[in-house]
Amino acid sequence: MLLAAVLLGLLSCSERPAPEAIARGFVDACAEAVQQRRPNALRDLIATDYRDAEGRTGQEVLGIAAGYLLRNRSVHLITRIQSAEQRDERIAATVLAALAGRPVDDVALLPSMDADIYWFDVELVEEDGDWRVISAAWRPALVDDFLAP
């Protein structure tokens, strides 16, 4: 009985993953859903009360993503997490992403590809044991952003 209480105490004190690991898991799940062209999987990554600075709801953001998938036959991603930090119960992350029509094996090839490149500022919240985006903003980025150290 004492052993069970000690183990329970240790488990309850165990640290949650670092913000970078949480952001990486979220970004990888998004990339997989996009590359597999699965909007329903993207829906599962959006918090139920999503709202961004532009006033968009989660359903509207999902529509933007689905439209992108409809316009592009094949989407391959390469991502880089610029920063991730804990803010109260949320994770704020800045992610650089290149979306291309063919696999991107090396960022040095980006200048020769017709890739869409964006900075994403996302805010993640834990919902039902999973991390989901509750707010996001995106803006165009440059190939040079990927090539910078």
N, C-alpha and C. Protein backbone atom coordinates (compact mmCIF):
# COMPACT_ATOMS: atom_id res chain seq x y z
N MET A 1 0.82 -1.19 0.00
CA MET A 1 0.00 0.00 0.00
C MET A 1 0.87 1.26 0.00
N LEU A 2 1.90 1.25 0.82
CA LEU A 2 2.81 2.39 0.87
C LEU A 2 3.51 2.59 -0.47
N LEU A 3 3.91 1.48 -1.11
CA LEU A 3 4.58 1.55 -2.41
C LEU A 3 3.65 2.18 -3.45
N ALA A 4 2.38 1.80 -3.43
CA ALA A 4 1.41 2.36 -4.38
C ALA A 4 1.26 3.86 -4.16
N ALA A 5 1.22 4.29 -2.90
CA ALA A 5 1.08 5.71 -2.60
C ALA A 5 2.31 6.49 -3.08
N VAL A 6 3.50 5.93 -2.89
CA VAL A 6 4.73 6.58 -3.34
C VAL A 6 4.75 6.69 -4.86
N LEU A 7 4.39 5.60 -5.55
CA LEU A 7 4.36 5.63 -7.01
C LEU A 7 3.35 6.63 -7.53
N LEU A 8 2.18 6.68 -6.90
CA LEU A 8 1.17 7.64 -7.32
C LEU A 8 1.67 9.07 -7.11
N GLY A 9 2.35 9.30 -6.00
CA GLY A 9 2.92 10.62 -5.74
C GLY A 9 3.97 11.00 -6.75
N LEU A 10 4.82 10.06 -7.13
CA LEU A 10 5.85 10.34 -8.13
C LEU A 10 5.24 10.62 -9.49
N LEU A 11 4.23 9.85 -9.86
CA LEU A 11 3.58 10.06 -11.15
C LEU A 11 2.88 11.40 -11.20
N SER A 12 2.24 11.80 -10.10
CA SER A 12 1.53 13.08 -10.12
C SER A 12 2.49 14.25 -10.15
N CYS A 13 3.74 14.04 -9.71
CA CYS A 13 4.73 15.12 -9.73
C CYS A 13 5.55 15.13 -11.01
N SER A 14 5.33 14.13 -11.86
CA SER A 14 6.15 14.07 -13.07
C SER A 14 5.90 15.31 -13.92
N GLU A 15 6.95 15.77 -14.51
CA GLU A 15 6.87 16.99 -15.30
C GLU A 15 6.20 16.73 -16.63
N ARG A 16 5.48 17.73 -17.10
CA ARG A 16 4.88 17.63 -18.42
C ARG A 16 5.98 17.91 -19.43
N PRO A 17 5.82 17.46 -20.65
CA PRO A 17 6.87 17.69 -21.65
C PRO A 17 7.18 19.19 -21.81
N ALA A 18 8.38 19.46 -22.25
CA ALA A 18 8.80 20.84 -22.50
C ALA A 18 7.92 21.47 -23.58
N PRO A 19 7.75 22.79 -23.54
CA PRO A 19 6.94 23.47 -24.56
C PRO A 19 7.39 23.13 -25.99
N GLU A 20 8.70 23.02 -26.21
CA GLU A 20 9.20 22.70 -27.55
C GLU A 20 8.71 21.32 -28.01
N ALA A 21 8.69 20.35 -27.09
CA ALA A 21 8.23 19.00 -27.43
C ALA A 21 6.74 19.00 -27.72
N ILE A 22 5.98 19.76 -26.95
CA ILE A 22 4.54 19.85 -27.20
C ILE A 22 4.28 20.50 -28.56
N ALA A 23 4.98 21.61 -28.83
CA ALA A 23 4.82 22.29 -30.12
C ALA A 23 5.23 21.37 -31.26
N ARG A 24 6.33 20.65 -31.12
CA ARG A 24 6.79 19.73 -32.17
C ARG A 24 5.76 18.64 -32.43
N GLY A 25 5.19 18.08 -31.38
CA GLY A 25 4.15 17.06 -31.57
C GLY A 25 2.95 17.61 -32.31
N PHE A 26 2.54 18.82 -31.97
CA PHE A 26 1.41 19.45 -32.64
C PHE A 26 1.73 19.72 -34.11
N VAL A 27 2.88 20.31 -34.37
CA VAL A 27 3.28 20.63 -35.75
C VAL A 27 3.40 19.36 -36.58
N ASP A 28 3.97 18.31 -36.02
CA ASP A 28 4.09 17.04 -36.75
C ASP A 28 2.71 16.46 -37.08
N ALA A 29 1.77 16.56 -36.15
CA ALA A 29 0.41 16.06 -36.40
C ALA A 29 -0.26 16.87 -37.51
N CYS A 30 -0.06 18.18 -37.50
CA CYS A 30 -0.61 19.03 -38.58
C CYS A 30 0.00 18.66 -39.93
N ALA A 31 1.32 18.51 -39.95
CA ALA A 31 2.01 18.18 -41.20
C ALA A 31 1.51 16.85 -41.75
N GLU A 32 1.36 15.88 -40.88
CA GLU A 32 0.88 14.57 -41.33
C GLU A 32 -0.53 14.67 -41.91
N ALA A 33 -1.41 15.41 -41.25
CA ALA A 33 -2.78 15.57 -41.74
C ALA A 33 -2.81 16.27 -43.09
N VAL A 34 -1.98 17.30 -43.25
CA VAL A 34 -1.94 18.04 -44.52
C VAL A 34 -1.36 17.16 -45.62
N GLN A 35 -0.25 16.51 -45.36
CA GLN A 35 0.39 15.69 -46.38
C GLN A 35 -0.48 14.50 -46.78
N GLN A 36 -1.28 13.99 -45.85
CA GLN A 36 -2.18 12.89 -46.18
C GLN A 36 -3.53 13.39 -46.69
N ARG A 37 -3.66 14.73 -46.77
CA ARG A 37 -4.86 15.36 -47.29
C ARG A 37 -6.09 14.93 -46.50
N ARG A 38 -6.01 15.06 -45.17
CA ARG A 38 -7.08 14.63 -44.28
C ARG A 38 -7.61 15.81 -43.45
N PRO A 39 -8.55 16.58 -44.01
CA PRO A 39 -9.10 17.71 -43.27
C PRO A 39 -9.75 17.30 -41.93
N ASN A 40 -10.32 16.10 -41.88
CA ASN A 40 -10.93 15.66 -40.62
C ASN A 40 -9.89 15.52 -39.52
N ALA A 41 -8.69 15.11 -39.87
CA ALA A 41 -7.61 15.02 -38.88
C ALA A 41 -7.21 16.42 -38.42
N LEU A 42 -7.28 17.39 -39.32
CA LEU A 42 -7.00 18.78 -38.93
C LEU A 42 -8.06 19.29 -37.96
N ARG A 43 -9.31 18.92 -38.20
CA ARG A 43 -10.40 19.34 -37.31
C ARG A 43 -10.11 18.92 -35.88
N ASP A 44 -9.55 17.74 -35.71
CA ASP A 44 -9.24 17.24 -34.37
C ASP A 44 -8.12 18.02 -33.69
N LEU A 45 -7.40 18.86 -34.43
CA LEU A 45 -6.29 19.64 -33.88
C LEU A 45 -6.69 21.08 -33.55
N ILE A 46 -7.97 21.40 -33.75
CA ILE A 46 -8.47 22.75 -33.51
C ILE A 46 -9.35 22.72 -32.26
N ALA A 47 -9.06 23.61 -31.31
CA ALA A 47 -9.83 23.69 -30.07
C ALA A 47 -11.28 24.08 -30.38
N THR A 48 -12.18 23.59 -29.55
CA THR A 48 -13.60 23.86 -29.77
C THR A 48 -13.93 25.34 -29.69
N ASP A 49 -13.20 26.11 -28.90
CA ASP A 49 -13.48 27.54 -28.79
C ASP A 49 -12.41 28.39 -29.48
N TYR A 50 -11.88 27.88 -30.61
CA TYR A 50 -10.89 28.61 -31.39
C TYR A 50 -11.44 29.98 -31.79
N ARG A 51 -10.60 30.98 -31.66
CA ARG A 51 -10.91 32.32 -32.15
C ARG A 51 -9.59 33.03 -32.31
N ASP A 52 -9.36 33.63 -33.48
CA ASP A 52 -8.09 34.33 -33.67
C ASP A 52 -8.31 35.84 -33.73
N ALA A 53 -7.23 36.58 -33.87
CA ALA A 53 -7.29 38.04 -33.86
C ALA A 53 -8.12 38.59 -35.02
N GLU A 54 -8.26 37.81 -36.08
CA GLU A 54 -9.06 38.23 -37.24
C GLU A 54 -10.54 37.89 -37.04
N GLY A 55 -10.88 37.26 -35.92
CA GLY A 55 -12.27 36.90 -35.64
C GLY A 55 -12.71 35.59 -36.25
N ARG A 56 -11.78 34.86 -36.84
CA ARG A 56 -12.13 33.59 -37.47
C ARG A 56 -12.39 32.52 -36.41
N THR A 57 -13.34 31.65 -36.71
CA THR A 57 -13.64 30.50 -35.86
C THR A 57 -12.83 29.30 -36.34
N GLY A 58 -12.85 28.25 -35.56
CA GLY A 58 -12.18 27.02 -35.96
C GLY A 58 -12.71 26.47 -37.27
N GLN A 59 -14.03 26.56 -37.47
CA GLN A 59 -14.64 26.06 -38.71
C GLN A 59 -14.14 26.86 -39.91
N GLU A 60 -13.98 28.16 -39.73
CA GLU A 60 -13.48 28.99 -40.83
C GLU A 60 -12.02 28.68 -41.16
N VAL A 61 -11.21 28.46 -40.14
CA VAL A 61 -9.81 28.11 -40.37
C VAL A 61 -9.71 26.74 -41.04
N LEU A 62 -10.56 25.82 -40.62
CA LEU A 62 -10.58 24.51 -41.27
C LEU A 62 -10.97 24.65 -42.74
N GLY A 63 -11.90 25.55 -43.04
CA GLY A 63 -12.29 25.80 -44.43
C GLY A 63 -11.13 26.35 -45.25
N ILE A 64 -10.32 27.23 -44.66
CA ILE A 64 -9.15 27.77 -45.35
C ILE A 64 -8.17 26.63 -45.67
N ALA A 65 -7.93 25.78 -44.69
CA ALA A 65 -7.00 24.64 -44.90
C ALA A 65 -7.55 23.68 -45.95
N ALA A 66 -8.84 23.37 -45.88
CA ALA A 66 -9.44 22.46 -46.85
C ALA A 66 -9.37 23.05 -48.26
N GLY A 67 -9.58 24.35 -48.38
CA GLY A 67 -9.48 25.01 -49.68
C GLY A 67 -8.07 24.92 -50.24
N TYR A 68 -7.08 25.07 -49.37
CA TYR A 68 -5.69 24.96 -49.81
C TYR A 68 -5.43 23.55 -50.34
N LEU A 69 -5.96 22.55 -49.64
CA LEU A 69 -5.76 21.16 -50.09
C LEU A 69 -6.47 20.90 -51.41
N LEU A 70 -7.62 21.51 -51.62
CA LEU A 70 -8.34 21.34 -52.89
C LEU A 70 -7.58 21.98 -54.05
N ARG A 71 -6.94 23.12 -53.80
CA ARG A 71 -6.21 23.83 -54.85
C ARG A 71 -4.85 23.21 -55.17
N ASN A 72 -4.34 22.40 -54.28
CA ASN A 72 -3.00 21.83 -54.46
C ASN A 72 -3.07 20.31 -54.40
N ARG A 73 -2.76 19.69 -55.53
CA ARG A 73 -2.85 18.23 -55.64
C ARG A 73 -2.00 17.51 -54.62
N SER A 74 -0.83 18.02 -54.41
CA SER A 74 0.13 17.38 -53.53
C SER A 74 0.75 18.45 -52.64
N VAL A 75 0.83 18.18 -51.34
CA VAL A 75 1.42 19.14 -50.42
C VAL A 75 2.44 18.42 -49.54
N HIS A 76 3.65 18.94 -49.57
CA HIS A 76 4.74 18.42 -48.73
C HIS A 76 5.22 19.58 -47.87
N LEU A 77 5.50 19.28 -46.61
CA LEU A 77 5.89 20.33 -45.68
C LEU A 77 7.28 20.11 -45.11
N ILE A 78 7.90 21.23 -44.83
CA ILE A 78 9.11 21.23 -44.02
C ILE A 78 8.88 22.35 -43.00
N THR A 79 9.15 22.06 -41.75
CA THR A 79 8.86 23.03 -40.70
C THR A 79 10.07 23.23 -39.80
N ARG A 80 10.07 24.39 -39.16
CA ARG A 80 11.10 24.70 -38.16
C ARG A 80 10.41 25.48 -37.04
N ILE A 81 10.56 25.02 -35.83
CA ILE A 81 10.00 25.74 -34.69
C ILE A 81 11.02 26.78 -34.26
N GLN A 82 10.63 28.03 -34.36
CA GLN A 82 11.52 29.14 -34.00
C GLN A 82 11.55 29.33 -32.49
N SER A 83 10.37 29.22 -31.86
CA SER A 83 10.30 29.38 -30.41
C SER A 83 9.04 28.69 -29.89
N ALA A 84 9.09 28.31 -28.63
CA ALA A 84 7.93 27.75 -27.95
C ALA A 84 8.09 28.03 -26.47
N GLU A 85 7.06 28.57 -25.87
CA GLU A 85 7.15 28.89 -24.45
C GLU A 85 5.81 28.69 -23.77
N GLN A 86 5.88 28.35 -22.51
CA GLN A 86 4.69 28.18 -21.68
C GLN A 86 4.18 29.56 -21.28
N ARG A 87 2.89 29.78 -21.43
CA ARG A 87 2.23 31.01 -20.98
C ARG A 87 0.97 30.59 -20.23
N ASP A 88 1.07 30.59 -18.92
CA ASP A 88 0.00 30.08 -18.07
C ASP A 88 -0.31 28.64 -18.48
N GLU A 89 -1.51 28.37 -18.89
CA GLU A 89 -1.90 27.00 -19.27
C GLU A 89 -1.78 26.77 -20.78
N ARG A 90 -1.15 27.69 -21.48
CA ARG A 90 -1.04 27.59 -22.93
C ARG A 90 0.42 27.52 -23.36
N ILE A 91 0.61 27.08 -24.60
CA ILE A 91 1.93 27.07 -25.23
C ILE A 91 1.84 28.03 -26.42
N ALA A 92 2.74 29.00 -26.46
CA ALA A 92 2.82 29.93 -27.59
C ALA A 92 4.04 29.52 -28.41
N ALA A 93 3.84 29.33 -29.72
CA ALA A 93 4.94 28.89 -30.57
C ALA A 93 4.94 29.68 -31.87
N THR A 94 6.14 29.90 -32.39
CA THR A 94 6.31 30.50 -33.71
C THR A 94 6.96 29.43 -34.59
N VAL A 95 6.31 29.17 -35.72
CA VAL A 95 6.73 28.07 -36.59
C VAL A 95 6.91 28.60 -38.01
N LEU A 96 8.00 28.22 -38.63
CA LEU A 96 8.26 28.52 -40.03
C LEU A 96 7.91 27.28 -40.83
N ALA A 97 7.10 27.45 -41.87
CA ALA A 97 6.66 26.29 -42.65
C ALA A 97 6.74 26.59 -44.14
N ALA A 98 7.24 25.62 -44.89
CA ALA A 98 7.25 25.69 -46.34
C ALA A 98 6.35 24.58 -46.86
N LEU A 99 5.41 24.94 -47.73
CA LEU A 99 4.49 23.98 -48.32
C LEU A 99 4.82 23.92 -49.81
N ALA A 100 5.17 22.74 -50.26
CA ALA A 100 5.61 22.57 -51.65
C ALA A 100 4.84 21.43 -52.31
N GLY A 101 4.87 21.41 -53.62
CA GLY A 101 4.17 20.39 -54.38
C GLY A 101 4.94 19.08 -54.51
N ARG A 102 6.18 19.08 -54.06
CA ARG A 102 6.99 17.86 -54.09
C ARG A 102 7.80 17.78 -52.80
N PRO A 103 8.32 16.62 -52.47
CA PRO A 103 9.08 16.50 -51.22
C PRO A 103 10.24 17.48 -51.14
N VAL A 104 10.44 18.00 -49.94
CA VAL A 104 11.53 18.93 -49.67
C VAL A 104 12.53 18.18 -48.80
N ASP A 105 13.55 17.65 -49.43
CA ASP A 105 14.55 16.87 -48.70
C ASP A 105 15.61 17.75 -48.06
N ASP A 106 15.77 18.96 -48.59
CA ASP A 106 16.82 19.84 -48.12
C ASP A 106 16.36 21.28 -48.30
N VAL A 107 16.46 22.09 -47.24
CA VAL A 107 16.02 23.49 -47.36
C VAL A 107 16.81 24.25 -48.40
N ALA A 108 18.00 23.80 -48.72
CA ALA A 108 18.81 24.47 -49.75
C ALA A 108 18.13 24.41 -51.12
N LEU A 109 17.19 23.46 -51.30
CA LEU A 109 16.47 23.34 -52.57
C LEU A 109 15.27 24.30 -52.66
N LEU A 110 14.88 24.91 -51.56
CA LEU A 110 13.70 25.78 -51.56
C LEU A 110 13.76 26.90 -52.60
N PRO A 111 14.90 27.55 -52.82
CA PRO A 111 14.92 28.63 -53.82
C PRO A 111 14.51 28.16 -55.22
N SER A 112 14.70 26.90 -55.53
CA SER A 112 14.36 26.41 -56.87
C SER A 112 12.94 25.83 -56.92
N MET A 113 12.23 25.86 -55.82
CA MET A 113 10.88 25.31 -55.77
C MET A 113 9.86 26.44 -55.68
N ASP A 114 8.66 26.14 -56.12
CA ASP A 114 7.57 27.10 -56.00
C ASP A 114 6.81 26.77 -54.71
N ALA A 115 7.43 27.09 -53.57
CA ALA A 115 6.85 26.75 -52.28
C ALA A 115 6.16 27.97 -51.67
N ASP A 116 5.10 27.70 -50.94
CA ASP A 116 4.46 28.74 -50.14
C ASP A 116 5.12 28.69 -48.76
N ILE A 117 5.64 29.82 -48.30
CA ILE A 117 6.38 29.85 -47.05
C ILE A 117 5.71 30.86 -46.11
N TYR A 118 5.45 30.41 -44.88
CA TYR A 118 4.74 31.23 -43.90
C TYR A 118 5.37 31.12 -42.52
N TRP A 119 5.22 32.21 -41.76
CA TRP A 119 5.44 32.20 -40.33
C TRP A 119 4.07 31.98 -39.70
N PHE A 120 3.97 31.04 -38.78
CA PHE A 120 2.75 30.81 -38.03
C PHE A 120 3.01 31.10 -36.56
N ASP A 121 2.17 31.92 -35.97
CA ASP A 121 2.19 32.14 -34.53
C ASP A 121 0.96 31.43 -33.99
N VAL A 122 1.18 30.37 -33.23
CA VAL A 122 0.07 29.56 -32.73
C VAL A 122 0.05 29.57 -31.21
N GLU A 123 -1.14 29.45 -30.69
CA GLU A 123 -1.32 29.31 -29.26
C GLU A 123 -2.06 27.99 -29.06
N LEU A 124 -1.45 27.12 -28.25
CA LEU A 124 -1.99 25.79 -28.03
C LEU A 124 -2.56 25.68 -26.62
N VAL A 125 -3.61 24.90 -26.50
CA VAL A 125 -4.23 24.65 -25.20
C VAL A 125 -4.50 23.15 -25.10
N GLU A 126 -4.39 22.64 -23.89
CA GLU A 126 -4.68 21.22 -23.69
C GLU A 126 -6.18 21.05 -23.50
N GLU A 127 -6.74 20.15 -24.31
CA GLU A 127 -8.17 19.91 -24.30
C GLU A 127 -8.39 18.41 -24.39
N ASP A 128 -9.00 17.84 -23.38
CA ASP A 128 -9.25 16.40 -23.33
C ASP A 128 -7.96 15.59 -23.49
N GLY A 129 -6.88 16.08 -22.91
CA GLY A 129 -5.61 15.36 -22.94
C GLY A 129 -4.79 15.56 -24.20
N ASP A 130 -5.30 16.31 -25.16
CA ASP A 130 -4.57 16.58 -26.41
C ASP A 130 -4.33 18.08 -26.54
N TRP A 131 -3.24 18.43 -27.21
CA TRP A 131 -2.93 19.84 -27.46
C TRP A 131 -3.56 20.25 -28.77
N ARG A 132 -4.32 21.35 -28.72
CA ARG A 132 -5.01 21.86 -29.89
C ARG A 132 -4.76 23.36 -30.03
N VAL A 133 -4.87 23.85 -31.24
CA VAL A 133 -4.67 25.28 -31.49
C VAL A 133 -5.94 26.02 -31.08
N ILE A 134 -5.75 27.08 -30.31
CA ILE A 134 -6.89 27.90 -29.89
C ILE A 134 -6.87 29.26 -30.58
N SER A 135 -5.73 29.62 -31.13
CA SER A 135 -5.59 30.87 -31.87
C SER A 135 -4.35 30.76 -32.75
N ALA A 136 -4.42 31.39 -33.92
CA ALA A 136 -3.27 31.36 -34.83
C ALA A 136 -3.29 32.61 -35.71
N ALA A 137 -2.10 32.99 -36.12
CA ALA A 137 -1.93 34.06 -37.10
C ALA A 137 -0.82 33.60 -38.03
N TRP A 138 -0.90 33.99 -39.27
CA TRP A 138 0.14 33.62 -40.23
C TRP A 138 0.43 34.78 -41.15
N ARG A 139 1.67 34.79 -41.62
CA ARG A 139 2.12 35.86 -42.52
C ARG A 139 3.16 35.26 -43.46
N PRO A 140 3.30 35.83 -44.63
CA PRO A 140 4.29 35.30 -45.58
C PRO A 140 5.70 35.37 -45.00
N ALA A 141 6.51 34.41 -45.38
CA ALA A 141 7.92 34.37 -45.01
C ALA A 141 8.74 34.27 -46.29
N LEU A 142 10.04 34.31 -46.14
CA LEU A 142 10.95 34.25 -47.27
C LEU A 142 11.79 32.97 -47.21
N VAL A 143 12.28 32.55 -48.34
CA VAL A 143 13.20 31.42 -48.38
C VAL A 143 14.39 31.69 -47.46
N ASP A 144 14.84 32.92 -47.46
CA ASP A 144 15.98 33.30 -46.62
C ASP A 144 15.74 33.00 -45.14
N ASP A 145 14.47 33.04 -44.71
CA ASP A 145 14.17 32.72 -43.31
C ASP A 145 14.56 31.28 -42.99
N PHE A 146 14.37 30.38 -43.95
CA PHE A 146 14.77 28.99 -43.74
C PHE A 146 16.28 28.82 -43.80
N LEU A 147 16.93 29.63 -44.60
CA LEU A 147 18.38 29.48 -44.79
C LEU A 147 19.19 30.15 -43.67
N ALA A 148 18.52 31.01 -42.89
CA ALA A 148 19.21 31.67 -41.77
C ALA A 148 19.47 30.65 -40.67
N PRO A 149 20.59 30.79 -39.95
CA PRO A 149 20.89 29.83 -38.88
C PRO A 149 19.90 29.88 -37.74
